[in-house]
Amino acid sequence: MLSPSRKAAMFRAWRSLRWWMLLTLVFLWGDWLLPWMQMDKNGIITVFTQQLHVVAVGRPAYVVDWTLLWAVIFGVLTMGQQHHQGGLVSLFAGPMRRRDLYDMHVLLGVGTLWVGYALLTMYVLLVNQHLGGLVEPGKILSFMGRQVLNHTAAWAVGLAAGAIITPVPLASFCALGVAAFPLYLSGFVGLLWARWEQAPHPFAPGFGWVNALMSALQWFAPLTPLDVAHGTVLRVTILWLVLWSVFWYAMGRRWFDRLPLEHAGEVFPYPVLWHPFGLGLGMLAGTVTSILLTQATPPRQLFVTTLLIWLVTTLLVWQLTVRVTRRLERRRASGE
C-alpha cells in the first residue's frame, strides 16, 4: 500500500503529465488512425495496405521519424514539468524521497510508451487480419518491438535532461543534440571523406569501409529507425539501446537525487554540464562553418582545411559558451 504522501505525489505527477501522455498517444497512433479520415472504404483499405507494406519492408535509417523526436521532448516534460511548476523545492523538503518521485515519473512515462504500443500492436494485428493477412504477424511484432526500443531510448535521454536542466526548451535542445550525436558524427565522417576523395592521393582506399562506418554510426542513434537492421547489426544495436536507456535513467536519477536545493532553479545546476553543452554547440558550429568556408578551396587542400576549420571553430565556440554561461550565472547570483 502506498502511503498518503506517495499517493499525493503520484496524483500530482499524473495531473502534471496527463495531457502530455494523451498527446504522446496521439503521436504514436496518429498514422494508423488517419486512414479513417478517408471518405470511402477503398481509400481506407488503400492507406492501410500502404502502411502494412512499410511495416513489412521497413524504413531506411535516414528517414526522419517525428514520433522519435517527440519521445525525446516527452522525456524532458516527464521531469521538466516539476521545474516549470515551481514545486520542486516543496517536494524536496517533504517526506517523499527524490528517487521515489523520479521513479514515479519514470513509471508514468515508460507506461505511456509501452501501453500505447501494446494497444497499437493489437490494433494493427486486427487490421492486418481483416485485410487477409498481408503481413506475417511476426513481422508486425518485430516492427513494433523495435519501435518500443527506439522510443524508450529516445525518451530516456530526454528524461535525464529534464531532471537537471530547468528551462524545458533548452533541455529539449540538449537532449536532441545528444540523441542525434551519432548521426552528426556519421555525417561529419562522410564530409571529411568527401573532401579527401576530391584530392588526388595514391594511397586513398575505396569508399566501402567509410560507408560501413557511417551506417554503423547511424544505427547507434536513438533517433534512427531500426526497421531494416538485421543479423549481428540488429543484435548489437538492441544491446546498445538497452544499455543507453539504462544509463540515462540511472544518470538522471543520480543527478536528480543529488541536486542541491539552492541550485534547483538555475539553468544548469551542475557547472560541469557547461562543458558538454558548449562542446556540442561548438561541434555544430564547426561543421556548418567548415562546409561554408571550404566551398572555394582547391581540392588538394580541402581535407586539411576542413579539419582545421572544424577544430578551431569548435574550440572557440566551446570556450566562448562556457565563459558566457559562467558570467551569466555569476551575474544572476550577485543580483540575488
C-alpha atoms as a PDB file:
ATOM      1  CA  MET A   1       0.000   0.000   0.000  1.00  0.00           C
ATOM      2  CA  LEU A   2       1.161   3.498  -0.841  1.00  0.00           C
ATOM      3  CA  SER A   3       1.458   5.997   1.983  1.00  0.00           C
ATOM      4  CA  PRO A   4      -0.650   9.201   1.799  1.00  0.00           C
ATOM      5  CA  SER A   5       2.414  11.225   0.798  1.00  0.00           C
ATOM      6  CA  ARG A   6       3.229   8.809  -2.026  1.00  0.00           C
ATOM      7  CA  LYS A   7      -0.349   8.816  -3.237  1.00  0.00           C
ATOM      8  CA  ALA A   8      -0.367  12.615  -3.230  1.00  0.00           C
ATOM      9  CA  ALA A   9       2.936  12.725  -5.137  1.00  0.00           C
ATOM     10  CA  MET A  10       1.695  10.180  -7.692  1.00  0.00           C
ATOM     11  CA  PHE A  11      -1.542  12.113  -8.168  1.00  0.00           C
ATOM     12  CA  ARG A  12       0.403  15.343  -8.621  1.00  0.00           C
ATOM     13  CA  ALA A  13       2.714  13.686 -11.158  1.00  0.00           C
ATOM     14  CA  TRP A  14      -0.241  12.285 -13.062  1.00  0.00           C
ATOM     15  CA  ARG A  15      -2.030  15.661 -13.118  1.00  0.00           C
ATOM     16  CA  SER A  16       1.069  17.404 -14.457  1.00  0.00           C
ATOM     17  CA  LEU A  17       1.568  14.810 -17.217  1.00  0.00           C
ATOM     18  CA  ARG A  18      -1.913  13.626 -18.161  1.00  0.00           C
ATOM     19  CA  TRP A  19      -2.341  15.875 -21.203  1.00  0.00           C
ATOM     20  CA  TRP A  20       1.219  15.239 -22.389  1.00  0.00           C
ATOM     21  CA  MET A  21       0.598  11.498 -22.036  1.00  0.00           C
ATOM     22  CA  LEU A  22      -2.538  11.817 -24.129  1.00  0.00           C
ATOM     23  CA  LEU A  23      -0.690  13.860 -26.759  1.00  0.00           C
ATOM     24  CA  THR A  24       2.030  11.200 -26.860  1.00  0.00           C
ATOM     25  CA  LEU A  25      -0.570   8.528 -27.591  1.00  0.00           C
ATOM     26  CA  VAL A  26      -1.918  10.717 -30.402  1.00  0.00           C
ATOM     27  CA  PHE A  27       1.593  10.888 -31.883  1.00  0.00           C
ATOM     28  CA  LEU A  28       2.078   7.119 -31.591  1.00  0.00           C
ATOM     29  CA  TRP A  29      -1.308   6.212 -33.033  1.00  0.00           C
ATOM     30  CA  GLY A  30      -1.715   9.084 -35.489  1.00  0.00           C
ATOM     31  CA  ASP A  31      -0.523   7.363 -38.674  1.00  0.00           C
ATOM     32  CA  TRP A  32      -2.764   4.360 -38.025  1.00  0.00           C
ATOM     33  CA  LEU A  33      -5.844   6.407 -37.163  1.00  0.00           C
ATOM     34  CA  LEU A  34      -5.611   8.859 -40.086  1.00  0.00           C
ATOM     35  CA  PRO A  35      -6.882   6.331 -42.671  1.00  0.00           C
ATOM     36  CA  TRP A  36     -10.302   6.538 -41.033  1.00  0.00           C
ATOM     37  CA  MET A  37     -10.452  10.158 -42.206  1.00  0.00           C
ATOM     38  CA  GLN A  38     -10.843   8.872 -45.761  1.00  0.00           C
ATOM     39  CA  MET A  39     -14.285   9.368 -47.255  1.00  0.00           C
ATOM     40  CA  ASP A  40     -14.657   5.952 -48.866  1.00  0.00           C
ATOM     41  CA  LYS A  41     -13.915   2.352 -47.975  1.00  0.00           C
ATOM     42  CA  ASN A  42     -11.491   1.856 -50.863  1.00  0.00           C
ATOM     43  CA  GLY A  43      -9.400   4.809 -49.683  1.00  0.00           C
ATOM     44  CA  ILE A  44      -9.210   3.380 -46.157  1.00  0.00           C
ATOM     45  CA  ILE A  45      -8.094  -0.024 -47.470  1.00  0.00           C
ATOM     46  CA  THR A  46      -5.504   1.567 -49.767  1.00  0.00           C
ATOM     47  CA  VAL A  47      -3.878   3.595 -46.979  1.00  0.00           C
ATOM     48  CA  PHE A  48      -3.846   0.645 -44.584  1.00  0.00           C
ATOM     49  CA  THR A  49      -2.277  -1.529 -47.290  1.00  0.00           C
ATOM     50  CA  GLN A  50       0.470   1.061 -47.828  1.00  0.00           C
ATOM     51  CA  GLN A  51       1.168   1.255 -44.102  1.00  0.00           C
ATOM     52  CA  LEU A  52       1.373  -2.515 -43.756  1.00  0.00           C
ATOM     53  CA  HIS A  53       3.802  -2.540 -46.692  1.00  0.00           C
ATOM     54  CA  VAL A  54       6.031  -0.143 -44.739  1.00  0.00           C
ATOM     55  CA  VAL A  55       5.850  -2.499 -41.757  1.00  0.00           C
ATOM     56  CA  ALA A  56       6.883  -5.431 -43.946  1.00  0.00           C
ATOM     57  CA  VAL A  57       9.689  -3.669 -45.834  1.00  0.00           C
ATOM     58  CA  GLY A  58      10.927  -1.217 -43.183  1.00  0.00           C
ATOM     59  CA  ARG A  59      12.252   2.322 -43.398  1.00  0.00           C
ATOM     60  CA  PRO A  60      15.906   3.176 -44.086  1.00  0.00           C
ATOM     61  CA  ALA A  61      17.980   4.809 -41.351  1.00  0.00           C
ATOM     62  CA  TYR A  62      17.917   8.282 -42.896  1.00  0.00           C
ATOM     63  CA  VAL A  63      14.108   8.574 -42.763  1.00  0.00           C
ATOM     64  CA  VAL A  64      13.041  11.020 -40.033  1.00  0.00           C
ATOM     65  CA  ASP A  65      10.516   9.568 -37.610  1.00  0.00           C
ATOM     66  CA  TRP A  66       8.859  12.549 -35.947  1.00  0.00           C
ATOM     67  CA  THR A  67       7.474  10.366 -33.161  1.00  0.00           C
ATOM     68  CA  LEU A  68      11.073   9.694 -32.054  1.00  0.00           C
ATOM     69  CA  LEU A  69      11.718  13.421 -31.825  1.00  0.00           C
ATOM     70  CA  TRP A  70       8.569  13.779 -29.767  1.00  0.00           C
ATOM     71  CA  ALA A  71       9.706  10.919 -27.498  1.00  0.00           C
ATOM     72  CA  VAL A  72      12.767  12.989 -26.555  1.00  0.00           C
ATOM     73  CA  ILE A  73      10.613  16.029 -25.774  1.00  0.00           C
ATOM     74  CA  PHE A  74       8.156  13.872 -23.816  1.00  0.00           C
ATOM     75  CA  GLY A  75      11.086  12.584 -21.784  1.00  0.00           C
ATOM     76  CA  VAL A  76      12.065  16.162 -20.968  1.00  0.00           C
ATOM     77  CA  LEU A  77       8.498  17.017 -19.993  1.00  0.00           C
ATOM     78  CA  THR A  78       8.288  13.924 -17.776  1.00  0.00           C
ATOM     79  CA  MET A  79      10.509  15.642 -15.194  1.00  0.00           C
ATOM     80  CA  GLY A  80      10.648  19.151 -16.640  1.00  0.00           C
ATOM     81  CA  GLN A  81       7.093  19.889 -15.535  1.00  0.00           C
ATOM     82  CA  GLN A  82       8.330  19.887 -11.931  1.00  0.00           C
ATOM     83  CA  HIS A  83      10.710  22.747 -12.716  1.00  0.00           C
ATOM     84  CA  HIS A  84       8.074  24.604 -14.678  1.00  0.00           C
ATOM     85  CA  GLN A  85       5.501  24.471 -11.919  1.00  0.00           C
ATOM     86  CA  GLY A  86       7.926  25.702  -9.286  1.00  0.00           C
ATOM     87  CA  GLY A  87       7.068  22.887  -6.900  1.00  0.00           C
ATOM     88  CA  LEU A  88      10.489  21.295  -6.793  1.00  0.00           C
ATOM     89  CA  VAL A  89      11.660  22.832  -3.527  1.00  0.00           C
ATOM     90  CA  SER A  90       8.461  21.970  -1.669  1.00  0.00           C
ATOM     91  CA  LEU A  91       8.639  18.380  -2.930  1.00  0.00           C
ATOM     92  CA  PHE A  92      12.284  18.077  -1.904  1.00  0.00           C
ATOM     93  CA  ALA A  93      11.501  19.385   1.568  1.00  0.00           C
ATOM     94  CA  GLY A  94       8.653  16.892   2.129  1.00  0.00           C
ATOM     95  CA  PRO A  95       8.718  13.276   3.343  1.00  0.00           C
ATOM     96  CA  MET A  96       8.968  11.910  -0.231  1.00  0.00           C
ATOM     97  CA  ARG A  97      12.430  10.790  -1.305  1.00  0.00           C
ATOM     98  CA  ARG A  98      13.631  12.320  -4.554  1.00  0.00           C
ATOM     99  CA  ARG A  99      14.436   8.939  -6.119  1.00  0.00           C
ATOM    100  CA  ASP A 100      10.885   7.766  -5.396  1.00  0.00           C
ATOM    101  CA  LEU A 101       9.460  10.868  -7.028  1.00  0.00           C
ATOM    102  CA  TYR A 102      11.750  10.323 -10.019  1.00  0.00           C
ATOM    103  CA  ASP A 103      10.673   6.680 -10.346  1.00  0.00           C
ATOM    104  CA  MET A 104       7.001   7.694 -10.246  1.00  0.00           C
ATOM    105  CA  HIS A 105       7.537   9.914 -13.264  1.00  0.00           C
ATOM    106  CA  VAL A 106       9.506   7.156 -14.971  1.00  0.00           C
ATOM    107  CA  LEU A 107       6.606   4.769 -14.401  1.00  0.00           C
ATOM    108  CA  LEU A 108       4.155   7.201 -15.998  1.00  0.00           C
ATOM    109  CA  GLY A 109       6.443   7.994 -18.942  1.00  0.00           C
ATOM    110  CA  VAL A 110       7.511   4.448 -19.770  1.00  0.00           C
ATOM    111  CA  GLY A 111       3.998   3.169 -19.105  1.00  0.00           C
ATOM    112  CA  THR A 112       2.594   5.605 -21.671  1.00  0.00           C
ATOM    113  CA  LEU A 113       5.003   4.380 -24.356  1.00  0.00           C
ATOM    114  CA  TRP A 114       4.727   0.660 -23.612  1.00  0.00           C
ATOM    115  CA  VAL A 115       0.977   0.526 -23.070  1.00  0.00           C
ATOM    116  CA  GLY A 116       0.447   2.745 -26.108  1.00  0.00           C
ATOM    117  CA  TYR A 117       2.444   0.423 -28.342  1.00  0.00           C
ATOM    118  CA  ALA A 118       0.833  -2.693 -26.841  1.00  0.00           C
ATOM    119  CA  LEU A 119      -2.611  -1.380 -27.773  1.00  0.00           C
ATOM    120  CA  LEU A 120      -1.352  -0.250 -31.184  1.00  0.00           C
ATOM    121  CA  THR A 121       0.136  -3.692 -31.875  1.00  0.00           C
ATOM    122  CA  MET A 122      -3.174  -5.418 -31.164  1.00  0.00           C
ATOM    123  CA  TYR A 123      -4.959  -2.897 -33.375  1.00  0.00           C
ATOM    124  CA  VAL A 124      -2.558  -3.403 -36.303  1.00  0.00           C
ATOM    125  CA  LEU A 125      -2.794  -7.186 -35.965  1.00  0.00           C
ATOM    126  CA  LEU A 126      -6.583  -6.941 -36.188  1.00  0.00           C
ATOM    127  CA  VAL A 127      -6.405  -4.662 -39.247  1.00  0.00           C
ATOM    128  CA  ASN A 128      -3.905  -6.979 -40.904  1.00  0.00           C
ATOM    129  CA  GLN A 129      -6.138  -9.995 -40.252  1.00  0.00           C
ATOM    130  CA  HIS A 130      -9.181  -8.147 -41.604  1.00  0.00           C
ATOM    131  CA  LEU A 131      -7.311  -7.369 -44.839  1.00  0.00           C
ATOM    132  CA  GLY A 132      -6.440 -11.002 -45.351  1.00  0.00           C
ATOM    133  CA  GLY A 133      -3.095 -11.283 -43.579  1.00  0.00           C
ATOM    134  CA  LEU A 134      -0.992  -9.110 -45.890  1.00  0.00           C
ATOM    135  CA  VAL A 135       1.925  -9.190 -43.444  1.00  0.00           C
ATOM    136  CA  GLU A 136       3.138 -12.018 -41.232  1.00  0.00           C
ATOM    137  CA  PRO A 137       2.263 -11.372 -37.558  1.00  0.00           C
ATOM    138  CA  GLY A 138       5.907 -11.959 -36.652  1.00  0.00           C
ATOM    139  CA  LYS A 139       6.974  -9.006 -38.808  1.00  0.00           C
ATOM    140  CA  ILE A 140       4.388  -6.789 -37.149  1.00  0.00           C
ATOM    141  CA  LEU A 141       5.584  -7.813 -33.686  1.00  0.00           C
ATOM    142  CA  SER A 142       9.207  -7.253 -34.743  1.00  0.00           C
ATOM    143  CA  PHE A 143       8.399  -3.806 -36.148  1.00  0.00           C
ATOM    144  CA  MET A 144       6.517  -2.719 -33.009  1.00  0.00           C
ATOM    145  CA  GLY A 145       9.199  -4.146 -30.729  1.00  0.00           C
ATOM    146  CA  ARG A 146      11.857  -2.100 -32.479  1.00  0.00           C
ATOM    147  CA  GLN A 147       9.632   0.965 -32.215  1.00  0.00           C
ATOM    148  CA  VAL A 148       9.268   0.486 -28.452  1.00  0.00           C
ATOM    149  CA  LEU A 149      13.043   0.104 -28.103  1.00  0.00           C
ATOM    150  CA  ASN A 150      13.755   3.229 -30.147  1.00  0.00           C
ATOM    151  CA  HIS A 151      11.195   5.357 -28.344  1.00  0.00           C
ATOM    152  CA  THR A 152      12.298   4.217 -24.889  1.00  0.00           C
ATOM    153  CA  ALA A 153      15.928   5.076 -25.685  1.00  0.00           C
ATOM    154  CA  ALA A 154      14.945   8.488 -27.078  1.00  0.00           C
ATOM    155  CA  TRP A 155      12.703   9.154 -24.078  1.00  0.00           C
ATOM    156  CA  ALA A 156      15.432   8.172 -21.589  1.00  0.00           C
ATOM    157  CA  VAL A 157      17.904  10.837 -22.698  1.00  0.00           C
ATOM    158  CA  GLY A 158      15.135  13.446 -22.546  1.00  0.00           C
ATOM    159  CA  LEU A 159      14.268  12.266 -19.031  1.00  0.00           C
ATOM    160  CA  ALA A 160      17.831  12.836 -17.809  1.00  0.00           C
ATOM    161  CA  ALA A 161      17.964  16.293 -19.417  1.00  0.00           C
ATOM    162  CA  GLY A 162      14.596  17.332 -17.984  1.00  0.00           C
ATOM    163  CA  ALA A 163      15.619  16.232 -14.496  1.00  0.00           C
ATOM    164  CA  ILE A 164      18.512  18.672 -14.216  1.00  0.00           C
ATOM    165  CA  ILE A 165      18.077  21.474 -16.797  1.00  0.00           C
ATOM    166  CA  THR A 166      15.431  23.953 -15.720  1.00  0.00           C
ATOM    167  CA  PRO A 167      14.125  25.516 -18.987  1.00  0.00           C
ATOM    168  CA  VAL A 168      12.179  22.882 -20.928  1.00  0.00           C
ATOM    169  CA  PRO A 169      13.137  24.285 -24.402  1.00  0.00           C
ATOM    170  CA  LEU A 170      16.845  24.250 -23.512  1.00  0.00           C
ATOM    171  CA  ALA A 171      16.599  20.768 -22.023  1.00  0.00           C
ATOM    172  CA  SER A 172      14.860  19.558 -25.203  1.00  0.00           C
ATOM    173  CA  PHE A 173      17.551  21.130 -27.365  1.00  0.00           C
ATOM    174  CA  CYS A 174      20.333  19.484 -25.345  1.00  0.00           C
ATOM    175  CA  ALA A 175      18.608  16.094 -25.319  1.00  0.00           C
ATOM    176  CA  LEU A 176      18.005  16.150 -29.070  1.00  0.00           C
ATOM    177  CA  GLY A 177      21.647  17.087 -29.601  1.00  0.00           C
ATOM    178  CA  VAL A 178      22.850  14.134 -27.518  1.00  0.00           C
ATOM    179  CA  ALA A 179      20.412  11.697 -29.128  1.00  0.00           C
ATOM    180  CA  ALA A 180      21.421  12.814 -32.633  1.00  0.00           C
ATOM    181  CA  PHE A 181      25.160  12.848 -31.954  1.00  0.00           C
ATOM    182  CA  PRO A 182      25.854   9.513 -33.737  1.00  0.00           C
ATOM    183  CA  LEU A 183      24.024  10.850 -36.800  1.00  0.00           C
ATOM    184  CA  TYR A 184      26.041  14.035 -36.675  1.00  0.00           C
ATOM    185  CA  LEU A 185      29.272  12.066 -36.307  1.00  0.00           C
ATOM    186  CA  SER A 186      28.320   9.877 -39.263  1.00  0.00           C
ATOM    187  CA  GLY A 187      27.669  12.947 -41.406  1.00  0.00           C
ATOM    188  CA  PHE A 188      30.970  14.512 -40.392  1.00  0.00           C
ATOM    189  CA  VAL A 189      32.868  11.336 -41.333  1.00  0.00           C
ATOM    190  CA  GLY A 190      31.165  11.444 -44.720  1.00  0.00           C
ATOM    191  CA  LEU A 191      32.014  15.130 -45.133  1.00  0.00           C
ATOM    192  CA  LEU A 192      35.693  14.605 -44.359  1.00  0.00           C
ATOM    193  CA  TRP A 193      35.932  11.614 -46.675  1.00  0.00           C
ATOM    194  CA  ALA A 194      34.251  13.513 -49.498  1.00  0.00           C
ATOM    195  CA  ARG A 195      36.847  16.234 -49.057  1.00  0.00           C
ATOM    196  CA  TRP A 196      39.617  13.624 -49.021  1.00  0.00           C
ATOM    197  CA  GLU A 197      38.405  11.961 -52.202  1.00  0.00           C
ATOM    198  CA  GLN A 198      38.449  15.288 -54.073  1.00  0.00           C
ATOM    199  CA  ALA A 199      42.220  15.471 -53.549  1.00  0.00           C
ATOM    200  CA  PRO A 200      44.287  13.058 -55.681  1.00  0.00           C
ATOM    201  CA  HIS A 201      46.059  10.652 -53.341  1.00  0.00           C
ATOM    202  CA  PRO A 202      47.877   7.500 -54.457  1.00  0.00           C
ATOM    203  CA  PHE A 203      47.072   5.568 -51.250  1.00  0.00           C
ATOM    204  CA  ALA A 204      43.415   6.570 -50.876  1.00  0.00           C
ATOM    205  CA  PRO A 205      41.307   3.457 -50.134  1.00  0.00           C
ATOM    206  CA  GLY A 206      37.848   2.876 -51.532  1.00  0.00           C
ATOM    207  CA  PHE A 207      34.574   4.101 -50.153  1.00  0.00           C
ATOM    208  CA  GLY A 208      33.492   0.704 -48.808  1.00  0.00           C
ATOM    209  CA  TRP A 209      34.774   0.944 -45.255  1.00  0.00           C
ATOM    210  CA  VAL A 210      33.654   4.583 -44.985  1.00  0.00           C
ATOM    211  CA  ASN A 211      30.076   3.710 -45.920  1.00  0.00           C
ATOM    212  CA  ALA A 212      30.152   0.817 -43.457  1.00  0.00           C
ATOM    213  CA  LEU A 213      31.403   3.130 -40.698  1.00  0.00           C
ATOM    214  CA  MET A 214      28.762   5.763 -41.466  1.00  0.00           C
ATOM    215  CA  SER A 215      25.987   3.154 -41.434  1.00  0.00           C
ATOM    216  CA  ALA A 216      27.241   1.663 -38.159  1.00  0.00           C
ATOM    217  CA  LEU A 217      27.294   5.091 -36.513  1.00  0.00           C
ATOM    218  CA  GLN A 218      23.754   5.834 -37.686  1.00  0.00           C
ATOM    219  CA  TRP A 219      22.337   2.724 -36.028  1.00  0.00           C
ATOM    220  CA  PHE A 220      23.630   3.901 -32.641  1.00  0.00           C
ATOM    221  CA  ALA A 221      21.406   6.993 -32.675  1.00  0.00           C
ATOM    222  CA  PRO A 222      18.086   6.516 -30.798  1.00  0.00           C
ATOM    223  CA  LEU A 223      16.505   8.732 -33.461  1.00  0.00           C
ATOM    224  CA  THR A 224      17.307   6.207 -36.211  1.00  0.00           C
ATOM    225  CA  PRO A 225      14.609   3.623 -37.059  1.00  0.00           C
ATOM    226  CA  LEU A 226      15.802   0.018 -36.730  1.00  0.00           C
ATOM    227  CA  ASP A 227      13.373  -1.303 -39.342  1.00  0.00           C
ATOM    228  CA  VAL A 228      15.926  -2.595 -41.863  1.00  0.00           C
ATOM    229  CA  ALA A 229      18.629  -3.650 -39.385  1.00  0.00           C
ATOM    230  CA  HIS A 230      19.138  -7.396 -39.186  1.00  0.00           C
ATOM    231  CA  GLY A 231      21.533 -10.077 -38.023  1.00  0.00           C
ATOM    232  CA  THR A 232      24.530  -9.097 -35.933  1.00  0.00           C
ATOM    233  CA  VAL A 233      23.952  -5.377 -36.536  1.00  0.00           C
ATOM    234  CA  LEU A 234      20.461  -5.631 -35.075  1.00  0.00           C
ATOM    235  CA  ARG A 235      21.590  -7.603 -32.026  1.00  0.00           C
ATOM    236  CA  VAL A 236      24.441  -5.192 -31.294  1.00  0.00           C
ATOM    237  CA  THR A 237      22.171  -2.178 -31.758  1.00  0.00           C
ATOM    238  CA  ILE A 238      19.496  -3.633 -29.469  1.00  0.00           C
ATOM    239  CA  LEU A 239      22.113  -4.230 -26.773  1.00  0.00           C
ATOM    240  CA  TRP A 240      23.427  -0.686 -27.246  1.00  0.00           C
ATOM    241  CA  LEU A 241      19.983   0.933 -26.971  1.00  0.00           C
ATOM    242  CA  VAL A 242      19.114  -1.116 -23.876  1.00  0.00           C
ATOM    243  CA  LEU A 243      22.362  -0.043 -22.202  1.00  0.00           C
ATOM    244  CA  TRP A 244      21.745   3.531 -23.420  1.00  0.00           C
ATOM    245  CA  SER A 245      18.274   3.592 -21.785  1.00  0.00           C
ATOM    246  CA  VAL A 246      19.509   2.127 -18.505  1.00  0.00           C
ATOM    247  CA  PHE A 247      22.476   4.521 -18.421  1.00  0.00           C
ATOM    248  CA  TRP A 248      20.418   7.673 -18.914  1.00  0.00           C
ATOM    249  CA  TYR A 249      17.765   6.509 -16.454  1.00  0.00           C
ATOM    250  CA  ALA A 250      20.450   5.885 -13.824  1.00  0.00           C
ATOM    251  CA  MET A 251      22.289   9.138 -14.530  1.00  0.00           C
ATOM    252  CA  GLY A 252      19.108  11.208 -14.387  1.00  0.00           C
ATOM    253  CA  ARG A 253      18.132   9.514 -11.103  1.00  0.00           C
ATOM    254  CA  ARG A 254      21.567  10.139  -9.611  1.00  0.00           C
ATOM    255  CA  TRP A 255      21.691  13.793 -10.731  1.00  0.00           C
ATOM    256  CA  PHE A 256      18.166  14.481  -9.536  1.00  0.00           C
ATOM    257  CA  ASP A 257      18.791  12.796  -6.178  1.00  0.00           C
ATOM    258  CA  ARG A 258      21.888  14.941  -5.551  1.00  0.00           C
ATOM    259  CA  LEU A 259      20.527  18.222  -6.910  1.00  0.00           C
ATOM    260  CA  PRO A 260      21.317  20.951  -4.336  1.00  0.00           C
ATOM    261  CA  LEU A 261      18.220  22.839  -3.224  1.00  0.00           C
ATOM    262  CA  GLU A 262      19.975  26.197  -3.576  1.00  0.00           C
ATOM    263  CA  HIS A 263      20.604  25.446  -7.282  1.00  0.00           C
ATOM    264  CA  ALA A 264      17.198  23.925  -8.084  1.00  0.00           C
ATOM    265  CA  GLY A 265      16.057  26.908 -10.165  1.00  0.00           C
ATOM    266  CA  GLU A 266      19.266  27.509 -12.105  1.00  0.00           C
ATOM    267  CA  VAL A 267      19.578  26.779 -15.823  1.00  0.00           C
ATOM    268  CA  PHE A 268      22.480  24.356 -15.301  1.00  0.00           C
ATOM    269  CA  PRO A 269      22.524  23.323 -11.607  1.00  0.00           C
ATOM    270  CA  TYR A 270      25.748  21.392 -12.213  1.00  0.00           C
ATOM    271  CA  PRO A 271      28.518  23.618 -13.654  1.00  0.00           C
ATOM    272  CA  VAL A 272      30.163  20.529 -15.154  1.00  0.00           C
ATOM    273  CA  LEU A 273      27.328  20.472 -17.704  1.00  0.00           C
ATOM    274  CA  TRP A 274      28.510  23.750 -19.197  1.00  0.00           C
ATOM    275  CA  HIS A 275      31.336  21.975 -20.987  1.00  0.00           C
ATOM    276  CA  PRO A 276      29.288  19.245 -22.742  1.00  0.00           C
ATOM    277  CA  PHE A 277      26.729  21.873 -23.769  1.00  0.00           C
ATOM    278  CA  GLY A 278      29.425  24.190 -25.106  1.00  0.00           C
ATOM    279  CA  LEU A 279      31.213  21.342 -26.859  1.00  0.00           C
ATOM    280  CA  GLY A 280      28.003  20.252 -28.574  1.00  0.00           C
ATOM    281  CA  LEU A 281      27.362  23.784 -29.823  1.00  0.00           C
ATOM    282  CA  GLY A 282      30.978  24.045 -30.909  1.00  0.00           C
ATOM    283  CA  MET A 283      30.801  20.853 -32.965  1.00  0.00           C
ATOM    284  CA  LEU A 284      27.621  22.013 -34.655  1.00  0.00           C
ATOM    285  CA  ALA A 285      29.122  25.432 -35.412  1.00  0.00           C
ATOM    286  CA  GLY A 286      32.358  23.821 -36.617  1.00  0.00           C
ATOM    287  CA  THR A 287      30.555  21.596 -39.084  1.00  0.00           C
ATOM    288  CA  VAL A 288      28.449  24.407 -40.539  1.00  0.00           C
ATOM    289  CA  THR A 289      31.440  26.775 -40.738  1.00  0.00           C
ATOM    290  CA  SER A 290      33.714  24.203 -42.381  1.00  0.00           C
ATOM    291  CA  ILE A 291      31.093  23.488 -45.051  1.00  0.00           C
ATOM    292  CA  LEU A 292      30.533  27.178 -45.802  1.00  0.00           C
ATOM    293  CA  LEU A 293      34.193  28.259 -45.826  1.00  0.00           C
ATOM    294  CA  THR A 294      35.627  25.419 -47.918  1.00  0.00           C
ATOM    295  CA  GLN A 295      33.445  25.830 -50.983  1.00  0.00           C
ATOM    296  CA  ALA A 296      36.142  27.710 -52.922  1.00  0.00           C
ATOM    297  CA  THR A 297      39.140  25.820 -51.506  1.00  0.00           C
ATOM    298  CA  PRO A 298      41.389  23.985 -54.018  1.00  0.00           C
ATOM    299  CA  PRO A 299      40.675  20.231 -53.971  1.00  0.00           C
ATOM    300  CA  ARG A 300      44.136  19.260 -52.774  1.00  0.00           C
ATOM    301  CA  GLN A 301      43.755  21.398 -49.647  1.00  0.00           C
ATOM    302  CA  LEU A 302      40.131  20.533 -48.847  1.00  0.00           C
ATOM    303  CA  PHE A 303      40.677  17.753 -46.318  1.00  0.00           C
ATOM    304  CA  VAL A 304      43.244  19.520 -44.130  1.00  0.00           C
ATOM    305  CA  THR A 305      41.472  22.877 -44.421  1.00  0.00           C
ATOM    306  CA  THR A 306      38.090  21.398 -43.462  1.00  0.00           C
ATOM    307  CA  LEU A 307      39.556  19.604 -40.462  1.00  0.00           C
ATOM    308  CA  LEU A 308      41.442  22.696 -39.235  1.00  0.00           C
ATOM    309  CA  ILE A 309      38.429  24.991 -39.604  1.00  0.00           C
ATOM    310  CA  TRP A 310      36.266  22.476 -37.759  1.00  0.00           C
ATOM    311  CA  LEU A 311      38.745  22.125 -34.882  1.00  0.00           C
ATOM    312  CA  VAL A 312      39.348  25.861 -34.447  1.00  0.00           C
ATOM    313  CA  THR A 313      35.663  26.794 -34.640  1.00  0.00           C
ATOM    314  CA  THR A 314      34.672  24.006 -32.263  1.00  0.00           C
ATOM    315  CA  LEU A 315      37.218  25.047 -29.631  1.00  0.00           C
ATOM    316  CA  LEU A 316      36.368  28.748 -29.900  1.00  0.00           C
ATOM    317  CA  VAL A 317      32.606  28.277 -29.611  1.00  0.00           C
ATOM    318  CA  TRP A 318      33.075  25.746 -26.806  1.00  0.00           C
ATOM    319  CA  GLN A 319      35.160  28.097 -24.670  1.00  0.00           C
ATOM    320  CA  LEU A 320      33.015  31.123 -25.524  1.00  0.00           C
ATOM    321  CA  THR A 321      29.830  29.295 -24.475  1.00  0.00           C
ATOM    322  CA  VAL A 322      31.354  28.190 -21.165  1.00  0.00           C
ATOM    323  CA  ARG A 323      32.624  31.693 -20.381  1.00  0.00           C
ATOM    324  CA  VAL A 324      29.323  33.367 -21.236  1.00  0.00           C
ATOM    325  CA  THR A 325      27.352  30.821 -19.196  1.00  0.00           C
ATOM    326  CA  ARG A 326      29.673  31.269 -16.218  1.00  0.00           C
ATOM    327  CA  ARG A 327      29.375  35.052 -16.427  1.00  0.00           C
ATOM    328  CA  LEU A 328      25.565  34.906 -16.609  1.00  0.00           C
ATOM    329  CA  GLU A 329      25.428  32.618 -13.578  1.00  0.00           C
ATOM    330  CA  ARG A 330      27.707  34.948 -11.595  1.00  0.00           C
ATOM    331  CA  ARG A 331      25.597  37.944 -12.557  1.00  0.00           C
ATOM    332  CA  ARG A 332      22.425  36.123 -11.560  1.00  0.00           C
ATOM    333  CA  ALA A 333      23.935  35.099  -8.219  1.00  0.00           C
ATOM    334  CA  SER A 334      25.140  38.614  -7.444  1.00  0.00           C
ATOM    335  CA  GLY A 335      21.724  40.037  -8.336  1.00  0.00           C
ATOM    336  CA  GLU A 336      20.059  37.827  -5.753  1.00  0.00           C
END
